[in-house]
N, C-alpha and C. Protein backbone atom coordinates (compact mmCIF):
# COMPACT_ATOMS: atom_id res chain seq x y z
N MET A 1 -11.62 2.61 1.81
CA MET A 1 -11.39 1.21 1.68
C MET A 1 -10.37 0.81 2.76
N ARG A 2 -10.37 -0.44 3.08
CA ARG A 2 -9.47 -0.99 4.10
C ARG A 2 -8.10 -1.19 3.47
N VAL A 3 -7.09 -0.70 4.17
CA VAL A 3 -5.67 -0.88 3.73
C VAL A 3 -4.95 -1.64 4.87
N ILE A 4 -4.38 -2.78 4.52
CA ILE A 4 -3.64 -3.60 5.49
C ILE A 4 -2.18 -3.52 5.13
N VAL A 5 -1.37 -3.10 6.04
CA VAL A 5 0.07 -2.99 5.80
C VAL A 5 0.79 -4.13 6.49
N MET A 6 1.44 -4.97 5.70
CA MET A 6 2.17 -6.11 6.24
C MET A 6 3.57 -5.74 6.66
N PRO A 7 4.20 -6.58 7.56
CA PRO A 7 5.58 -6.41 7.94
C PRO A 7 6.49 -6.42 6.70
N PRO A 8 7.55 -5.70 6.69
CA PRO A 8 8.10 -4.89 7.77
C PRO A 8 7.59 -3.45 7.76
N PHE A 9 6.73 -3.13 6.81
CA PHE A 9 6.32 -1.73 6.66
C PHE A 9 5.51 -1.20 7.82
N ASP A 10 4.69 -2.04 8.42
CA ASP A 10 3.91 -1.57 9.58
C ASP A 10 4.77 -1.04 10.70
N ARG A 11 5.84 -1.73 11.03
CA ARG A 11 6.75 -1.31 12.10
C ARG A 11 7.67 -0.17 11.60
N GLU A 12 8.16 -0.34 10.38
CA GLU A 12 9.16 0.60 9.84
C GLU A 12 8.64 2.06 9.68
N PHE A 13 7.38 2.16 9.28
CA PHE A 13 6.81 3.46 8.97
C PHE A 13 5.61 3.89 9.78
N PHE A 14 4.86 2.92 10.36
CA PHE A 14 3.59 3.24 10.94
C PHE A 14 3.45 2.89 12.45
N GLY A 15 4.63 2.70 13.09
CA GLY A 15 4.62 2.48 14.53
C GLY A 15 3.87 1.18 14.93
N GLY A 16 3.81 0.25 14.07
CA GLY A 16 3.16 -1.03 14.34
C GLY A 16 1.68 -1.06 13.93
N THR A 17 1.15 0.04 13.55
CA THR A 17 -0.25 0.08 13.05
C THR A 17 -0.28 -0.61 11.73
N ASP A 18 -1.19 -1.49 11.57
CA ASP A 18 -1.22 -2.27 10.27
C ASP A 18 -2.55 -2.16 9.49
N ARG A 19 -3.50 -1.37 10.03
CA ARG A 19 -4.82 -1.27 9.32
C ARG A 19 -5.22 0.22 9.27
N PHE A 20 -5.68 0.59 8.12
CA PHE A 20 -6.05 1.96 7.86
C PHE A 20 -7.33 1.98 7.02
N GLU A 21 -8.09 3.05 7.13
CA GLU A 21 -9.21 3.26 6.23
C GLU A 21 -8.79 4.49 5.40
N ILE A 22 -8.70 4.30 4.09
CA ILE A 22 -8.21 5.33 3.22
C ILE A 22 -9.21 5.51 2.08
N THR A 23 -9.38 6.71 1.66
CA THR A 23 -10.16 7.04 0.49
C THR A 23 -9.19 7.57 -0.56
N ALA A 24 -9.08 6.90 -1.72
CA ALA A 24 -8.21 7.27 -2.77
C ALA A 24 -8.74 6.70 -4.09
N LYS A 25 -8.49 7.39 -5.17
CA LYS A 25 -8.92 6.93 -6.49
C LYS A 25 -8.00 5.94 -7.16
N THR A 26 -6.75 6.01 -6.82
CA THR A 26 -5.71 5.16 -7.42
C THR A 26 -4.71 4.70 -6.34
N LEU A 27 -3.85 3.75 -6.73
CA LEU A 27 -2.78 3.39 -5.78
C LEU A 27 -1.81 4.54 -5.54
N PHE A 28 -1.63 5.38 -6.52
CA PHE A 28 -0.80 6.59 -6.26
C PHE A 28 -1.36 7.38 -5.06
N GLY A 29 -2.67 7.50 -5.04
CA GLY A 29 -3.33 8.20 -3.95
C GLY A 29 -3.15 7.48 -2.62
N VAL A 30 -3.26 6.16 -2.65
CA VAL A 30 -3.04 5.32 -1.44
C VAL A 30 -1.66 5.57 -0.92
N VAL A 31 -0.65 5.50 -1.79
CA VAL A 31 0.71 5.71 -1.36
C VAL A 31 0.92 7.10 -0.77
N ASN A 32 0.31 8.12 -1.39
CA ASN A 32 0.45 9.47 -0.83
C ASN A 32 -0.20 9.57 0.52
N LYS A 33 -1.36 8.99 0.70
CA LYS A 33 -2.05 9.04 2.04
C LYS A 33 -1.21 8.27 3.07
N LEU A 34 -0.69 7.12 2.69
CA LEU A 34 0.15 6.40 3.66
C LEU A 34 1.39 7.20 3.97
N ASP A 35 1.97 7.92 3.08
CA ASP A 35 3.13 8.72 3.33
C ASP A 35 2.82 9.87 4.28
N GLU A 36 1.60 10.35 4.32
CA GLU A 36 1.24 11.39 5.29
C GLU A 36 1.33 10.86 6.71
N THR A 37 1.02 9.61 6.89
CA THR A 37 1.07 8.95 8.22
C THR A 37 2.46 8.43 8.50
N GLY A 38 3.12 7.87 7.49
CA GLY A 38 4.47 7.31 7.63
C GLY A 38 5.39 7.97 6.67
N PRO A 39 5.92 9.16 7.06
CA PRO A 39 6.82 9.85 6.14
C PRO A 39 7.98 8.98 5.68
N GLY A 40 8.24 9.05 4.39
CA GLY A 40 9.33 8.28 3.78
C GLY A 40 8.81 7.03 3.06
N PHE A 41 7.59 6.62 3.33
CA PHE A 41 7.03 5.44 2.71
C PHE A 41 6.99 5.57 1.20
N SER A 42 6.57 6.69 0.73
CA SER A 42 6.44 6.91 -0.77
C SER A 42 7.79 6.87 -1.47
N ASP A 43 8.87 7.18 -0.74
CA ASP A 43 10.20 7.18 -1.37
C ASP A 43 10.64 5.77 -1.73
N LEU A 44 10.17 4.78 -1.01
CA LEU A 44 10.62 3.43 -1.31
C LEU A 44 9.52 2.51 -1.82
N ALA A 45 8.31 2.96 -1.83
CA ALA A 45 7.18 2.10 -2.19
C ALA A 45 7.38 1.44 -3.62
N ASP A 46 7.84 2.23 -4.54
CA ASP A 46 8.03 1.69 -5.93
C ASP A 46 9.01 0.53 -5.94
N VAL A 47 10.03 0.59 -5.13
CA VAL A 47 11.12 -0.38 -5.12
C VAL A 47 10.80 -1.57 -4.22
N ARG A 48 10.17 -1.29 -3.07
CA ARG A 48 10.06 -2.37 -2.02
C ARG A 48 8.63 -2.91 -1.87
N ALA A 49 7.61 -2.19 -2.29
CA ALA A 49 6.25 -2.60 -1.99
C ALA A 49 5.47 -3.11 -3.20
N ALA A 50 4.60 -4.07 -2.95
CA ALA A 50 3.63 -4.51 -3.95
C ALA A 50 2.24 -4.37 -3.35
N PHE A 51 1.24 -4.20 -4.22
CA PHE A 51 -0.13 -3.94 -3.72
C PHE A 51 -1.07 -5.02 -4.25
N VAL A 52 -1.81 -5.61 -3.32
CA VAL A 52 -2.79 -6.63 -3.69
C VAL A 52 -4.16 -6.01 -3.49
N VAL A 53 -4.95 -5.82 -4.55
CA VAL A 53 -6.24 -5.20 -4.56
C VAL A 53 -7.33 -6.26 -4.66
N ASP A 54 -8.07 -6.42 -3.65
CA ASP A 54 -9.12 -7.44 -3.58
C ASP A 54 -8.65 -8.83 -4.08
N GLY A 55 -7.45 -9.22 -3.57
CA GLY A 55 -6.93 -10.53 -3.85
C GLY A 55 -6.06 -10.68 -5.10
N SER A 56 -5.89 -9.61 -5.87
CA SER A 56 -5.01 -9.70 -7.08
C SER A 56 -3.93 -8.70 -7.02
N VAL A 57 -2.72 -9.13 -7.30
CA VAL A 57 -1.56 -8.15 -7.37
C VAL A 57 -1.84 -7.16 -8.46
N GLN A 58 -1.67 -5.88 -8.13
CA GLN A 58 -1.93 -4.83 -9.09
C GLN A 58 -0.66 -4.00 -9.27
N PRO A 59 0.07 -4.19 -10.42
CA PRO A 59 1.30 -3.45 -10.64
C PRO A 59 1.06 -2.04 -11.17
N ASP A 60 -0.12 -1.74 -11.69
CA ASP A 60 -0.40 -0.47 -12.30
C ASP A 60 -1.03 0.47 -11.23
N TRP A 61 -0.24 1.42 -10.79
CA TRP A 61 -0.74 2.32 -9.73
C TRP A 61 -1.74 3.32 -10.23
N SER A 62 -1.98 3.43 -11.54
CA SER A 62 -2.92 4.41 -12.03
C SER A 62 -4.35 3.82 -12.23
N VAL A 63 -4.51 2.53 -12.05
CA VAL A 63 -5.81 1.87 -12.20
C VAL A 63 -6.81 2.50 -11.16
N GLN A 64 -7.98 2.78 -11.61
CA GLN A 64 -9.05 3.30 -10.72
C GLN A 64 -9.47 2.25 -9.71
N LEU A 65 -9.59 2.65 -8.43
CA LEU A 65 -9.93 1.76 -7.37
C LEU A 65 -11.41 1.77 -7.02
N GLU A 66 -12.24 2.33 -7.84
CA GLU A 66 -13.66 2.40 -7.55
C GLU A 66 -14.22 1.02 -7.29
N GLY A 67 -14.84 0.85 -6.18
CA GLY A 67 -15.44 -0.48 -5.81
C GLY A 67 -14.49 -1.35 -5.07
N ALA A 68 -13.20 -1.05 -5.00
CA ALA A 68 -12.26 -1.87 -4.28
C ALA A 68 -12.58 -1.85 -2.79
N GLU A 69 -12.50 -2.94 -2.14
CA GLU A 69 -12.78 -3.06 -0.72
C GLU A 69 -11.54 -3.16 0.14
N GLU A 70 -10.48 -3.85 -0.39
CA GLU A 70 -9.33 -4.08 0.44
C GLU A 70 -8.04 -4.02 -0.38
N ILE A 71 -7.04 -3.38 0.21
CA ILE A 71 -5.71 -3.33 -0.40
C ILE A 71 -4.77 -3.83 0.67
N VAL A 72 -3.90 -4.78 0.27
CA VAL A 72 -2.85 -5.27 1.18
C VAL A 72 -1.52 -4.82 0.60
N VAL A 73 -0.72 -4.18 1.47
CA VAL A 73 0.61 -3.76 1.09
C VAL A 73 1.58 -4.82 1.56
N ILE A 74 2.31 -5.44 0.61
CA ILE A 74 3.27 -6.46 0.95
C ILE A 74 4.61 -6.06 0.43
N GLN A 75 5.64 -6.75 0.98
CA GLN A 75 6.98 -6.53 0.50
C GLN A 75 7.24 -7.37 -0.78
N LYS A 76 7.87 -6.67 -1.73
CA LYS A 76 8.25 -7.43 -2.96
C LYS A 76 9.25 -8.46 -2.62
N VAL A 77 9.23 -9.59 -3.36
CA VAL A 77 10.18 -10.64 -3.16
C VAL A 77 10.91 -10.86 -4.44
N ALA A 78 12.25 -10.84 -4.36
CA ALA A 78 13.08 -11.01 -5.57
C ALA A 78 13.26 -12.52 -5.76
N GLY A 79 13.47 -12.86 -6.99
CA GLY A 79 13.70 -14.29 -7.24
C GLY A 79 13.70 -14.55 -8.74
N GLY A 80 13.93 -15.73 -9.12
CA GLY A 80 14.01 -16.00 -10.53
C GLY A 80 13.60 -17.35 -10.90
């Protein structure tokens, strides 16, 4: 599936690369694959990153991604 990594993560961990093709069953798998390319990403993903799967924010990293076409990695935004 296509994984798009938005700023600041693209520059911070992936040398400016913002698009990847990744095969994974869950978001845990996506995070692990991204960490192989950008060491340290998995250490902060839980705190700083949110995942949008086919247009919907997905907070549960254990959900099966079968049939998913696109994941966008965005920075979490604090607020109230």
